[in-house]
Amino acid sequence: METRTYREPLGVVAAICPFNFPAMIPLWCIPIATITGNTLILKPSERDPGAAMILAELVQQAGFPEGVVNVIHGAHRTVDFILDEPAIKAISFVGGNKAGEYIYSRGSANEADGLDGGLVEDEVDGAMGAVDDVDDALGEAGLLNQLGEDHGSARSKQRIESLIASAEREGATILLDGRGHKPQKYPNGNFVGPTIISNVTPDMTCYREEVFGPVLVCLNVETIDDAIELINGNEYGNGVAIFTRSGATAETFRKNIQAGQVGVNVPIPVPLPMFSFTGNKKSIAGGGANTFYGRPGINFYTQLKTVTSLWQSSDAVAKKAAVHMPTLQ
């Protein structure tokens, strides 16, 4: 008797990707989803679908069979189609908490059909220590260049600037104000410049709500224990960083902090794919069990089949091997 476990492809899987990393997130999904034998439906953000189309062209040039990687476009109705289609057996999503909760809830309603959901949400914990590179700190908040970020819509710009205004109203200090930023080459864009807000407290709106813009929110604490308590009190647990010259302090922080990705003297602690994405708490749905990035993606994109077989010697067709030269009878 023997028992063997096989991992087999799910069939059709889907990836709902965000606007802020239009190439990187699809490249998390395409290799693992396809190498495990699935076909992939990729839905890029309707705000910047061009990168996904370039990837689709590269997939064709690489020799992928037709229909293995597919791109569909749209907004809410397209997402609902993906969530409700029973043929789609696994869905990954990277984005904001509100959308993530909706996708996880609606997608999980199809769990009886075997649907898996893997969500990585953008909200993060805090950073502790002296950040010696503000550009990196702002990059973690969504800024990819020092000129500011064009958020694509007046609504997004208004939301970010209103959160900056709320900090000022509630007693914080605006050290660097990016409101009203107009780059010379793009004066009509919806830009918000780099912004640094200090003397923030946990009860302020700018701390409780994700800014998702080039805004660095700074809180002050007296001790490392206070810092750990502050960060652990946050409902999200994506990434956190400490800057220190003390190995003992770094180890204390590492052991006690409740965040999935920890940087020691590294401002953005997203690991290489072989270590996967390890956010926790509300920063990843399912408590991290549904990670689709990197090595754990093999589990996400496959299903187990366990086969137990019994072969008895009395059932053998031949008792011994025939080794003579075959002849005509």
C-alpha atoms as a PDB file:
ATOM      1  CA  MET A   1       0.000   0.000   0.000  1.00  0.00           C
ATOM      2  CA  GLU A   2       1.250   3.493  -0.780  1.00  0.00           C
ATOM      3  CA  THR A   3      -0.081   7.025  -0.377  1.00  0.00           C
ATOM      4  CA  ARG A   4       1.003   9.878  -2.616  1.00  0.00           C
ATOM      5  CA  THR A   5       0.042  13.538  -2.607  1.00  0.00           C
ATOM      6  CA  TYR A   6      -0.194  15.472  -5.859  1.00  0.00           C
ATOM      7  CA  ARG A   7      -0.586  19.196  -6.458  1.00  0.00           C
ATOM      8  CA  GLU A   8      -2.780  19.916  -9.451  1.00  0.00           C
ATOM      9  CA  PRO A   9      -3.753  23.197 -11.112  1.00  0.00           C
ATOM     10  CA  LEU A  10      -7.011  24.884 -10.155  1.00  0.00           C
ATOM     11  CA  GLY A  11      -7.882  25.773 -13.740  1.00  0.00           C
ATOM     12  CA  VAL A  12      -8.847  29.418 -14.192  1.00  0.00           C
ATOM     13  CA  VAL A  13      -7.498  32.000 -11.734  1.00  0.00           C
ATOM     14  CA  ALA A  14      -7.663  35.784 -11.655  1.00  0.00           C
ATOM     15  CA  ALA A  15      -5.596  38.735 -10.432  1.00  0.00           C
ATOM     16  CA  ILE A  16      -7.087  42.146  -9.619  1.00  0.00           C
ATOM     17  CA  CYS A  17      -4.196  44.602  -9.671  1.00  0.00           C
ATOM     18  CA  PRO A  18      -3.754  48.155  -8.287  1.00  0.00           C
ATOM     19  CA  PHE A  19      -2.883  51.373 -10.093  1.00  0.00           C
ATOM     20  CA  ASN A  20       0.245  52.187  -8.113  1.00  0.00           C
ATOM     21  CA  PHE A  21       2.266  49.121  -9.187  1.00  0.00           C
ATOM     22  CA  PRO A  22       0.806  48.332 -12.635  1.00  0.00           C
ATOM     23  CA  ALA A  23       3.674  46.044 -13.715  1.00  0.00           C
ATOM     24  CA  MET A  24       5.088  44.615 -10.486  1.00  0.00           C
ATOM     25  CA  ILE A  25       1.879  43.033  -9.154  1.00  0.00           C
ATOM     26  CA  PRO A  26       1.010  41.278 -12.452  1.00  0.00           C
ATOM     27  CA  LEU A  27       4.578  39.972 -12.436  1.00  0.00           C
ATOM     28  CA  TRP A  28       3.920  38.501  -8.986  1.00  0.00           C
ATOM     29  CA  CYS A  29       1.042  36.521 -10.483  1.00  0.00           C
ATOM     30  CA  ILE A  30       1.843  35.555 -14.070  1.00  0.00           C
ATOM     31  CA  PRO A  31       4.865  33.259 -13.444  1.00  0.00           C
ATOM     32  CA  ILE A  32       3.477  31.256 -10.504  1.00  0.00           C
ATOM     33  CA  ALA A  33      -0.081  31.007 -11.827  1.00  0.00           C
ATOM     34  CA  THR A  34       1.019  29.701 -15.209  1.00  0.00           C
ATOM     35  CA  ILE A  35       3.921  27.484 -14.186  1.00  0.00           C
ATOM     36  CA  THR A  36       1.528  25.595 -11.888  1.00  0.00           C
ATOM     37  CA  GLY A  37      -0.654  24.845 -14.912  1.00  0.00           C
ATOM     38  CA  ASN A  38      -3.411  27.452 -14.670  1.00  0.00           C
ATOM     39  CA  THR A  39      -4.797  30.032 -17.048  1.00  0.00           C
ATOM     40  CA  LEU A  40      -4.826  33.578 -15.703  1.00  0.00           C
ATOM     41  CA  ILE A  41      -7.297  36.444 -16.085  1.00  0.00           C
ATOM     42  CA  LEU A  42      -5.529  39.703 -15.321  1.00  0.00           C
ATOM     43  CA  LYS A  43      -7.566  42.807 -14.501  1.00  0.00           C
ATOM     44  CA  PRO A  44      -5.379  45.904 -14.333  1.00  0.00           C
ATOM     45  CA  SER A  45      -6.533  49.130 -12.764  1.00  0.00           C
ATOM     46  CA  GLU A  46      -8.740  51.104 -15.102  1.00  0.00           C
ATOM     47  CA  ARG A  47      -6.555  54.108 -14.249  1.00  0.00           C
ATOM     48  CA  ASP A  48      -3.382  52.765 -15.918  1.00  0.00           C
ATOM     49  CA  PRO A  49      -4.022  49.626 -17.994  1.00  0.00           C
ATOM     50  CA  GLY A  50      -1.124  50.205 -20.395  1.00  0.00           C
ATOM     51  CA  ALA A  51       1.481  48.231 -18.452  1.00  0.00           C
ATOM     52  CA  ALA A  52      -0.707  45.120 -18.457  1.00  0.00           C
ATOM     53  CA  MET A  53      -1.110  45.357 -22.222  1.00  0.00           C
ATOM     54  CA  ILE A  54       2.668  45.574 -22.648  1.00  0.00           C
ATOM     55  CA  LEU A  55       3.019  42.467 -20.476  1.00  0.00           C
ATOM     56  CA  ALA A  56       0.391  40.703 -22.613  1.00  0.00           C
ATOM     57  CA  GLU A  57       2.439  41.467 -25.716  1.00  0.00           C
ATOM     58  CA  LEU A  58       5.587  40.145 -24.037  1.00  0.00           C
ATOM     59  CA  VAL A  59       3.732  36.984 -23.045  1.00  0.00           C
ATOM     60  CA  GLN A  60       2.808  36.422 -26.688  1.00  0.00           C
ATOM     61  CA  GLN A  61       6.366  37.028 -27.830  1.00  0.00           C
ATOM     62  CA  ALA A  62       7.619  34.554 -25.219  1.00  0.00           C
ATOM     63  CA  GLY A  63       5.521  31.824 -26.827  1.00  0.00           C
ATOM     64  CA  PHE A  64       2.736  31.340 -24.287  1.00  0.00           C
ATOM     65  CA  PRO A  65      -0.187  29.435 -25.841  1.00  0.00           C
ATOM     66  CA  GLU A  66      -3.264  31.495 -26.661  1.00  0.00           C
ATOM     67  CA  GLY A  67      -5.612  31.881 -23.722  1.00  0.00           C
ATOM     68  CA  VAL A  68      -3.087  31.156 -20.973  1.00  0.00           C
ATOM     69  CA  VAL A  69      -2.751  34.824 -19.959  1.00  0.00           C
ATOM     70  CA  ASN A  70      -5.775  37.013 -20.595  1.00  0.00           C
ATOM     71  CA  VAL A  71      -6.383  40.709 -19.871  1.00  0.00           C
ATOM     72  CA  ILE A  72      -9.810  42.214 -19.257  1.00  0.00           C
ATOM     73  CA  HIS A  73     -10.551  45.854 -18.534  1.00  0.00           C
ATOM     74  CA  GLY A  74     -13.141  47.640 -16.456  1.00  0.00           C
ATOM     75  CA  ALA A  75     -14.016  48.862 -12.994  1.00  0.00           C
ATOM     76  CA  HIS A  76     -16.634  47.681 -10.476  1.00  0.00           C
ATOM     77  CA  ARG A  77     -18.779  45.596 -12.850  1.00  0.00           C
ATOM     78  CA  THR A  78     -15.698  43.770 -14.114  1.00  0.00           C
ATOM     79  CA  VAL A  79     -14.592  43.007 -10.558  1.00  0.00           C
ATOM     80  CA  ASP A  80     -18.065  41.691  -9.728  1.00  0.00           C
ATOM     81  CA  PHE A  81     -17.949  39.461 -12.797  1.00  0.00           C
ATOM     82  CA  ILE A  82     -14.658  37.959 -11.615  1.00  0.00           C
ATOM     83  CA  LEU A  83     -15.992  37.450  -8.092  1.00  0.00           C
ATOM     84  CA  ASP A  84     -19.221  35.800  -9.233  1.00  0.00           C
ATOM     85  CA  GLU A  85     -17.902  33.600 -12.054  1.00  0.00           C
ATOM     86  CA  PRO A  86     -17.854  30.002 -10.758  1.00  0.00           C
ATOM     87  CA  ALA A  87     -15.207  28.925 -13.268  1.00  0.00           C
ATOM     88  CA  ILE A  88     -12.652  31.197 -11.565  1.00  0.00           C
ATOM     89  CA  LYS A  89     -11.192  29.205  -8.700  1.00  0.00           C
ATOM     90  CA  ALA A  90      -8.750  31.653  -7.093  1.00  0.00           C
ATOM     91  CA  ILE A  91      -8.561  35.454  -6.975  1.00  0.00           C
ATOM     92  CA  SER A  92      -5.666  37.614  -5.817  1.00  0.00           C
ATOM     93  CA  PHE A  93      -5.975  41.303  -4.987  1.00  0.00           C
ATOM     94  CA  VAL A  94      -3.617  44.071  -3.898  1.00  0.00           C
ATOM     95  CA  GLY A  95      -5.121  47.396  -2.881  1.00  0.00           C
ATOM     96  CA  GLY A  96      -6.908  49.371  -0.218  1.00  0.00           C
ATOM     97  CA  ASN A  97      -8.702  47.974   2.793  1.00  0.00           C
ATOM     98  CA  LYS A  98     -12.241  48.954   1.788  1.00  0.00           C
ATOM     99  CA  ALA A  99     -12.006  47.321  -1.625  1.00  0.00           C
ATOM    100  CA  GLY A 100     -10.157  44.355  -0.142  1.00  0.00           C
ATOM    101  CA  GLU A 101     -12.863  43.651   2.415  1.00  0.00           C
ATOM    102  CA  TYR A 102     -15.528  43.835  -0.298  1.00  0.00           C
ATOM    103  CA  ILE A 103     -13.633  41.485  -2.618  1.00  0.00           C
ATOM    104  CA  TYR A 104     -12.839  39.016   0.152  1.00  0.00           C
ATOM    105  CA  SER A 105     -16.418  39.014   1.441  1.00  0.00           C
ATOM    106  CA  ARG A 106     -18.123  38.645  -1.926  1.00  0.00           C
ATOM    107  CA  GLY A 107     -15.546  36.206  -3.240  1.00  0.00           C
ATOM    108  CA  SER A 108     -15.775  34.080  -0.094  1.00  0.00           C
ATOM    109  CA  ALA A 109     -19.507  33.720  -0.691  1.00  0.00           C
ATOM    110  CA  ASN A 110     -18.500  31.476  -3.585  1.00  0.00           C
ATOM    111  CA  GLU A 111     -16.343  29.309  -1.338  1.00  0.00           C
ATOM    112  CA  ALA A 112     -18.647  26.348  -1.861  1.00  0.00           C
ATOM    113  CA  ASP A 113     -17.441  26.406  -5.466  1.00  0.00           C
ATOM    114  CA  GLY A 114     -13.846  26.089  -4.297  1.00  0.00           C
ATOM    115  CA  LEU A 115     -12.836  29.752  -4.563  1.00  0.00           C
ATOM    116  CA  ASP A 116      -9.573  30.809  -2.927  1.00  0.00           C
ATOM    117  CA  GLY A 117      -8.864  34.439  -2.110  1.00  0.00           C
ATOM    118  CA  GLY A 118      -5.517  36.087  -1.533  1.00  0.00           C
ATOM    119  CA  LEU A 119      -5.525  39.756  -0.601  1.00  0.00           C
ATOM    120  CA  VAL A 120      -2.681  42.060   0.257  1.00  0.00           C
ATOM    121  CA  GLU A 121      -3.912  45.416   1.470  1.00  0.00           C
ATOM    122  CA  ASP A 122      -1.903  48.601   1.235  1.00  0.00           C
ATOM    123  CA  GLU A 123      -2.332  49.868   4.772  1.00  0.00           C
ATOM    124  CA  VAL A 124       0.830  49.764   6.832  1.00  0.00           C
ATOM    125  CA  ASP A 125       1.942  50.134  10.405  1.00  0.00           C
ATOM    126  CA  GLY A 126       4.477  52.764  11.357  1.00  0.00           C
ATOM    127  CA  ALA A 127       8.211  53.251  11.244  1.00  0.00           C
ATOM    128  CA  MET A 128      10.400  53.914  14.265  1.00  0.00           C
ATOM    129  CA  GLY A 129      13.720  55.694  14.342  1.00  0.00           C
ATOM    130  CA  ALA A 130      15.430  58.454  12.456  1.00  0.00           C
ATOM    131  CA  VAL A 131      14.710  58.078   8.762  1.00  0.00           C
ATOM    132  CA  ASP A 132      17.824  59.294   7.011  1.00  0.00           C
ATOM    133  CA  ASP A 133      16.258  59.144   3.545  1.00  0.00           C
ATOM    134  CA  VAL A 134      12.950  60.963   3.374  1.00  0.00           C
ATOM    135  CA  ASP A 135      12.556  59.939  -0.270  1.00  0.00           C
ATOM    136  CA  ASP A 136      12.350  56.280   0.838  1.00  0.00           C
ATOM    137  CA  ALA A 137       9.875  57.123   3.568  1.00  0.00           C
ATOM    138  CA  LEU A 138       7.643  59.007   1.154  1.00  0.00           C
ATOM    139  CA  GLY A 139       8.018  56.200  -1.368  1.00  0.00           C
ATOM    140  CA  GLU A 140       6.483  53.828   1.173  1.00  0.00           C
ATOM    141  CA  ALA A 141       3.464  56.130   1.281  1.00  0.00           C
ATOM    142  CA  GLY A 142       3.037  56.019  -2.486  1.00  0.00           C
ATOM    143  CA  LEU A 143       5.464  58.617  -3.845  1.00  0.00           C
ATOM    144  CA  LEU A 144       7.758  57.442  -6.589  1.00  0.00           C
ATOM    145  CA  ASN A 145       9.517  60.713  -7.349  1.00  0.00           C
ATOM    146  CA  GLN A 146      10.341  63.919  -5.546  1.00  0.00           C
ATOM    147  CA  LEU A 147       8.195  66.042  -7.836  1.00  0.00           C
ATOM    148  CA  GLY A 148       5.031  64.671  -6.296  1.00  0.00           C
ATOM    149  CA  GLU A 149       2.452  62.212  -7.491  1.00  0.00           C
ATOM    150  CA  ASP A 150      -0.266  62.687 -10.076  1.00  0.00           C
ATOM    151  CA  HIS A 151      -3.167  60.766  -8.566  1.00  0.00           C
ATOM    152  CA  GLY A 152      -5.125  60.825 -11.799  1.00  0.00           C
ATOM    153  CA  SER A 153      -8.245  62.512 -10.470  1.00  0.00           C
ATOM    154  CA  ALA A 154      -9.228  65.712  -8.741  1.00  0.00           C
ATOM    155  CA  ARG A 155     -11.129  63.573  -6.235  1.00  0.00           C
ATOM    156  CA  SER A 156      -7.976  61.786  -5.057  1.00  0.00           C
ATOM    157  CA  LYS A 157      -6.092  65.064  -4.812  1.00  0.00           C
ATOM    158  CA  GLN A 158      -8.912  66.624  -2.804  1.00  0.00           C
ATOM    159  CA  ARG A 159      -9.006  63.636  -0.416  1.00  0.00           C
ATOM    160  CA  ILE A 160      -5.253  63.777   0.254  1.00  0.00           C
ATOM    161  CA  GLU A 161      -5.229  67.542   0.735  1.00  0.00           C
ATOM    162  CA  SER A 162      -8.228  67.322   3.072  1.00  0.00           C
ATOM    163  CA  LEU A 163      -6.336  64.843   5.267  1.00  0.00           C
ATOM    164  CA  ILE A 164      -3.369  67.229   5.377  1.00  0.00           C
ATOM    165  CA  ALA A 165      -5.759  70.033   6.351  1.00  0.00           C
ATOM    166  CA  SER A 166      -7.313  67.855   9.076  1.00  0.00           C
ATOM    167  CA  ALA A 167      -3.867  67.317  10.615  1.00  0.00           C
ATOM    168  CA  GLU A 168      -3.304  71.052  10.737  1.00  0.00           C
ATOM    169  CA  ARG A 169      -6.745  71.574  12.265  1.00  0.00           C
ATOM    170  CA  GLU A 170      -6.211  68.904  14.909  1.00  0.00           C
ATOM    171  CA  GLY A 171      -2.921  70.352  16.137  1.00  0.00           C
ATOM    172  CA  ALA A 172      -0.182  68.675  14.093  1.00  0.00           C
ATOM    173  CA  THR A 173       2.681  70.612  12.517  1.00  0.00           C
ATOM    174  CA  ILE A 174       3.071  70.771   8.733  1.00  0.00           C
ATOM    175  CA  LEU A 175       6.840  70.789   8.227  1.00  0.00           C
ATOM    176  CA  LEU A 176       6.641  70.436   4.460  1.00  0.00           C
ATOM    177  CA  ASP A 177       3.411  71.268   2.646  1.00  0.00           C
ATOM    178  CA  GLY A 178       2.728  69.715  -0.756  1.00  0.00           C
ATOM    179  CA  ARG A 179      -0.719  71.181  -1.263  1.00  0.00           C
ATOM    180  CA  GLY A 180      -1.164  73.247  -4.403  1.00  0.00           C
ATOM    181  CA  HIS A 181       1.878  71.654  -6.048  1.00  0.00           C
ATOM    182  CA  LYS A 182       2.059  72.479  -9.780  1.00  0.00           C
ATOM    183  CA  PRO A 183       5.042  71.104 -11.705  1.00  0.00           C
ATOM    184  CA  GLN A 184       6.106  73.461 -14.458  1.00  0.00           C
ATOM    185  CA  LYS A 185       5.695  70.897 -17.207  1.00  0.00           C
ATOM    186  CA  TYR A 186       2.299  69.652 -15.961  1.00  0.00           C
ATOM    187  CA  PRO A 187       0.494  72.597 -14.369  1.00  0.00           C
ATOM    188  CA  ASN A 188      -2.951  71.074 -14.950  1.00  0.00           C
ATOM    189  CA  GLY A 189      -2.213  67.711 -13.345  1.00  0.00           C
ATOM    190  CA  ASN A 190      -3.684  66.502 -10.073  1.00  0.00           C
ATOM    191  CA  PHE A 191      -0.392  66.627  -8.198  1.00  0.00           C
ATOM    192  CA  VAL A 192       0.316  66.584  -4.493  1.00  0.00           C
ATOM    193  CA  GLY A 193       3.876  67.423  -3.488  1.00  0.00           C
ATOM    194  CA  PRO A 194       5.917  65.739  -0.746  1.00  0.00           C
ATOM    195  CA  THR A 195       4.440  66.515   2.665  1.00  0.00           C
ATOM    196  CA  ILE A 196       5.834  65.949   6.167  1.00  0.00           C
ATOM    197  CA  ILE A 197       3.548  66.181   9.196  1.00  0.00           C
ATOM    198  CA  SER A 198       5.003  66.065  12.730  1.00  0.00           C
ATOM    199  CA  ASN A 199       3.571  66.021  16.266  1.00  0.00           C
ATOM    200  CA  VAL A 200       0.841  63.627  15.173  1.00  0.00           C
ATOM    201  CA  THR A 201      -1.106  61.639  17.792  1.00  0.00           C
ATOM    202  CA  PRO A 202      -2.922  58.307  17.306  1.00  0.00           C
ATOM    203  CA  ASP A 203      -6.347  59.940  17.579  1.00  0.00           C
ATOM    204  CA  MET A 204      -5.781  62.260  14.600  1.00  0.00           C
ATOM    205  CA  THR A 205      -7.570  61.619  11.321  1.00  0.00           C
ATOM    206  CA  CYS A 206      -4.346  61.576   9.301  1.00  0.00           C
ATOM    207  CA  TYR A 207      -3.115  58.656  11.416  1.00  0.00           C
ATOM    208  CA  ARG A 208      -6.345  56.664  11.520  1.00  0.00           C
ATOM    209  CA  GLU A 209      -7.082  56.934   7.790  1.00  0.00           C
ATOM    210  CA  GLU A 210      -4.707  55.841   5.073  1.00  0.00           C
ATOM    211  CA  VAL A 211      -3.453  58.884   3.178  1.00  0.00           C
ATOM    212  CA  PHE A 212      -2.172  56.921   0.158  1.00  0.00           C
ATOM    213  CA  GLY A 213      -0.189  59.872  -1.072  1.00  0.00           C
ATOM    214  CA  PRO A 214       3.256  61.439  -0.662  1.00  0.00           C
ATOM    215  CA  VAL A 215       2.657  62.273   2.990  1.00  0.00           C
ATOM    216  CA  LEU A 216       4.965  61.253   5.848  1.00  0.00           C
ATOM    217  CA  VAL A 217       3.118  61.198   9.189  1.00  0.00           C
ATOM    218  CA  CYS A 218       5.441  61.426  12.228  1.00  0.00           C
ATOM    219  CA  LEU A 219       4.543  60.420  15.798  1.00  0.00           C
ATOM    220  CA  ASN A 220       6.859  60.842  18.779  1.00  0.00           C
ATOM    221  CA  VAL A 221       7.480  58.306  21.562  1.00  0.00           C
ATOM    222  CA  GLU A 222       9.877  58.242  24.500  1.00  0.00           C
ATOM    223  CA  THR A 223      11.096  54.606  24.531  1.00  0.00           C
ATOM    224  CA  ILE A 224      11.265  51.541  22.343  1.00  0.00           C
ATOM    225  CA  ASP A 225       8.568  49.938  24.502  1.00  0.00           C
ATOM    226  CA  ASP A 226       6.300  52.890  23.748  1.00  0.00           C
ATOM    227  CA  ALA A 227       7.079  52.529  20.044  1.00  0.00           C
ATOM    228  CA  ILE A 228       6.242  48.823  20.059  1.00  0.00           C
ATOM    229  CA  GLU A 229       3.001  49.473  21.931  1.00  0.00           C
ATOM    230  CA  LEU A 230       2.022  52.216  19.476  1.00  0.00           C
ATOM    231  CA  ILE A 231       2.677  50.077  16.410  1.00  0.00           C
ATOM    232  CA  ASN A 232       1.044  46.972  17.858  1.00  0.00           C
ATOM    233  CA  GLY A 233      -2.054  49.024  18.636  1.00  0.00           C
ATOM    234  CA  ASN A 234      -2.537  49.655  14.930  1.00  0.00           C
ATOM    235  CA  GLU A 235      -5.041  47.325  13.289  1.00  0.00           C
ATOM    236  CA  TYR A 236      -2.776  46.833  10.284  1.00  0.00           C
ATOM    237  CA  GLY A 237       0.454  44.861  10.142  1.00  0.00           C
ATOM    238  CA  ASN A 238       1.981  45.212   6.703  1.00  0.00           C
ATOM    239  CA  GLY A 239       5.509  46.525   7.177  1.00  0.00           C
ATOM    240  CA  VAL A 240       7.543  48.281   9.855  1.00  0.00           C
ATOM    241  CA  ALA A 241      11.128  49.472  10.190  1.00  0.00           C
ATOM    242  CA  ILE A 242      13.570  50.350  12.950  1.00  0.00           C
ATOM    243  CA  PHE A 243      16.766  52.340  12.564  1.00  0.00           C
ATOM    244  CA  THR A 244      19.329  51.614  15.269  1.00  0.00           C
ATOM    245  CA  ARG A 245      23.016  50.894  15.931  1.00  0.00           C
ATOM    246  CA  SER A 246      22.112  48.434  18.710  1.00  0.00           C
ATOM    247  CA  GLY A 247      21.714  44.780  17.860  1.00  0.00           C
ATOM    248  CA  ALA A 248      19.937  44.133  21.161  1.00  0.00           C
ATOM    249  CA  THR A 249      17.417  46.875  20.460  1.00  0.00           C
ATOM    250  CA  ALA A 250      16.798  45.522  16.968  1.00  0.00           C
ATOM    251  CA  GLU A 251      16.237  42.006  18.320  1.00  0.00           C
ATOM    252  CA  THR A 252      13.833  43.247  21.011  1.00  0.00           C
ATOM    253  CA  PHE A 253      11.903  45.103  18.341  1.00  0.00           C
ATOM    254  CA  ARG A 254      11.890  42.127  15.974  1.00  0.00           C
ATOM    255  CA  LYS A 255      10.650  39.726  18.648  1.00  0.00           C
ATOM    256  CA  ASN A 256       7.840  41.873  20.028  1.00  0.00           C
ATOM    257  CA  ILE A 257       6.510  43.748  17.008  1.00  0.00           C
ATOM    258  CA  GLN A 258       3.250  42.630  15.383  1.00  0.00           C
ATOM    259  CA  ALA A 259       3.986  43.214  11.715  1.00  0.00           C
ATOM    260  CA  GLY A 260       4.617  40.749   8.962  1.00  0.00           C
ATOM    261  CA  GLN A 261       7.591  42.464   7.331  1.00  0.00           C
ATOM    262  CA  VAL A 262      10.273  44.031   9.492  1.00  0.00           C
ATOM    263  CA  GLY A 263      13.127  46.187   8.286  1.00  0.00           C
ATOM    264  CA  VAL A 264      16.250  46.783  10.354  1.00  0.00           C
ATOM    265  CA  ASN A 265      17.935  49.884   8.950  1.00  0.00           C
ATOM    266  CA  VAL A 266      15.906  49.194   5.785  1.00  0.00           C
ATOM    267  CA  PRO A 267      13.033  51.615   5.100  1.00  0.00           C
ATOM    268  CA  ILE A 268      10.820  49.465   2.847  1.00  0.00           C
ATOM    269  CA  PRO A 269      11.049  45.836   4.023  1.00  0.00           C
ATOM    270  CA  VAL A 270       9.286  44.070   1.129  1.00  0.00           C
ATOM    271  CA  PRO A 271      11.293  40.851   0.692  1.00  0.00           C
ATOM    272  CA  LEU A 272      12.398  39.058  -2.435  1.00  0.00           C
ATOM    273  CA  PRO A 273       9.878  36.559  -3.878  1.00  0.00           C
ATOM    274  CA  MET A 274      11.471  33.464  -2.345  1.00  0.00           C
ATOM    275  CA  PHE A 275      10.493  34.824   1.084  1.00  0.00           C
ATOM    276  CA  SER A 276       6.984  35.823   0.017  1.00  0.00           C
ATOM    277  CA  PHE A 277       4.814  38.659   1.314  1.00  0.00           C
ATOM    278  CA  THR A 278       4.282  38.264   5.032  1.00  0.00           C
ATOM    279  CA  GLY A 279       1.972  41.069   6.150  1.00  0.00           C
ATOM    280  CA  ASN A 280      -0.392  40.216   8.990  1.00  0.00           C
ATOM    281  CA  LYS A 281      -3.417  41.447  10.943  1.00  0.00           C
ATOM    282  CA  LYS A 282      -5.797  43.367   8.653  1.00  0.00           C
ATOM    283  CA  SER A 283      -3.067  43.927   6.065  1.00  0.00           C
ATOM    284  CA  ILE A 284      -3.627  40.486   4.586  1.00  0.00           C
ATOM    285  CA  ALA A 285      -6.841  38.524   4.376  1.00  0.00           C
ATOM    286  CA  GLY A 286      -7.087  35.085   5.897  1.00  0.00           C
ATOM    287  CA  GLY A 287      -4.282  35.701   8.373  1.00  0.00           C
ATOM    288  CA  GLY A 288      -1.638  35.132   5.721  1.00  0.00           C
ATOM    289  CA  ALA A 289      -2.840  31.639   4.810  1.00  0.00           C
ATOM    290  CA  ASN A 290      -3.730  32.807   1.314  1.00  0.00           C
ATOM    291  CA  THR A 291      -0.399  34.297   0.260  1.00  0.00           C
ATOM    292  CA  PHE A 292      -0.008  34.211  -3.520  1.00  0.00           C
ATOM    293  CA  TYR A 293       3.378  35.945  -3.863  1.00  0.00           C
ATOM    294  CA  GLY A 294       6.548  33.932  -4.182  1.00  0.00           C
ATOM    295  CA  ARG A 295       7.026  30.366  -3.017  1.00  0.00           C
ATOM    296  CA  PRO A 296       3.697  30.060  -1.104  1.00  0.00           C
ATOM    297  CA  GLY A 297       1.993  30.918  -4.384  1.00  0.00           C
ATOM    298  CA  ILE A 298       2.469  27.294  -5.425  1.00  0.00           C
ATOM    299  CA  ASN A 299       0.050  26.313  -2.665  1.00  0.00           C
ATOM    300  CA  PHE A 300      -2.316  29.148  -3.552  1.00  0.00           C
ATOM    301  CA  TYR A 301      -2.583  28.241  -7.231  1.00  0.00           C
ATOM    302  CA  THR A 302      -2.901  24.459  -6.811  1.00  0.00           C
ATOM    303  CA  GLN A 303      -5.154  21.981  -5.071  1.00  0.00           C
ATOM    304  CA  LEU A 304      -4.126  18.830  -3.262  1.00  0.00           C
ATOM    305  CA  LYS A 305      -5.039  15.363  -4.404  1.00  0.00           C
ATOM    306  CA  THR A 306      -4.049  12.456  -2.162  1.00  0.00           C
ATOM    307  CA  VAL A 307      -4.115   8.960  -3.678  1.00  0.00           C
ATOM    308  CA  THR A 308      -3.870   5.772  -1.621  1.00  0.00           C
ATOM    309  CA  SER A 309      -3.217   2.633  -3.676  1.00  0.00           C
ATOM    310  CA  LEU A 310      -3.152  -1.042  -2.777  1.00  0.00           C
ATOM    311  CA  TRP A 311      -1.284  -3.449  -5.046  1.00  0.00           C
ATOM    312  CA  GLN A 312      -1.265  -7.112  -4.022  1.00  0.00           C
ATOM    313  CA  SER A 313       1.221  -9.607  -5.373  1.00  0.00           C
ATOM    314  CA  SER A 314      -1.565 -12.089  -6.049  1.00  0.00           C
ATOM    315  CA  ASP A 315      -3.040  -9.647  -8.592  1.00  0.00           C
ATOM    316  CA  ALA A 316       0.136  -9.490 -10.695  1.00  0.00           C
ATOM    317  CA  VAL A 317      -0.479 -10.195 -14.384  1.00  0.00           C
ATOM    318  CA  ALA A 318       2.930 -11.820 -14.888  1.00  0.00           C
ATOM    319  CA  LYS A 319       4.830 -13.787 -12.259  1.00  0.00           C
ATOM    320  CA  LYS A 320       8.279 -13.286 -13.783  1.00  0.00           C
ATOM    321  CA  ALA A 321       9.849 -11.309 -16.543  1.00  0.00           C
ATOM    322  CA  ALA A 322      10.032 -12.814 -20.044  1.00  0.00           C
ATOM    323  CA  VAL A 323      13.615 -12.357 -21.251  1.00  0.00           C
ATOM    324  CA  HIS A 324      13.783 -14.786 -24.215  1.00  0.00           C
ATOM    325  CA  MET A 325      14.121 -13.696 -27.843  1.00  0.00           C
ATOM    326  CA  PRO A 326      10.625 -13.219 -29.268  1.00  0.00           C
ATOM    327  CA  THR A 327       9.751 -15.747 -31.990  1.00  0.00           C
ATOM    328  CA  LEU A 328       6.848 -16.277 -34.351  1.00  0.00           C
ATOM    329  CA  GLN A 329       4.401 -18.886 -33.149  1.00  0.00           C
END
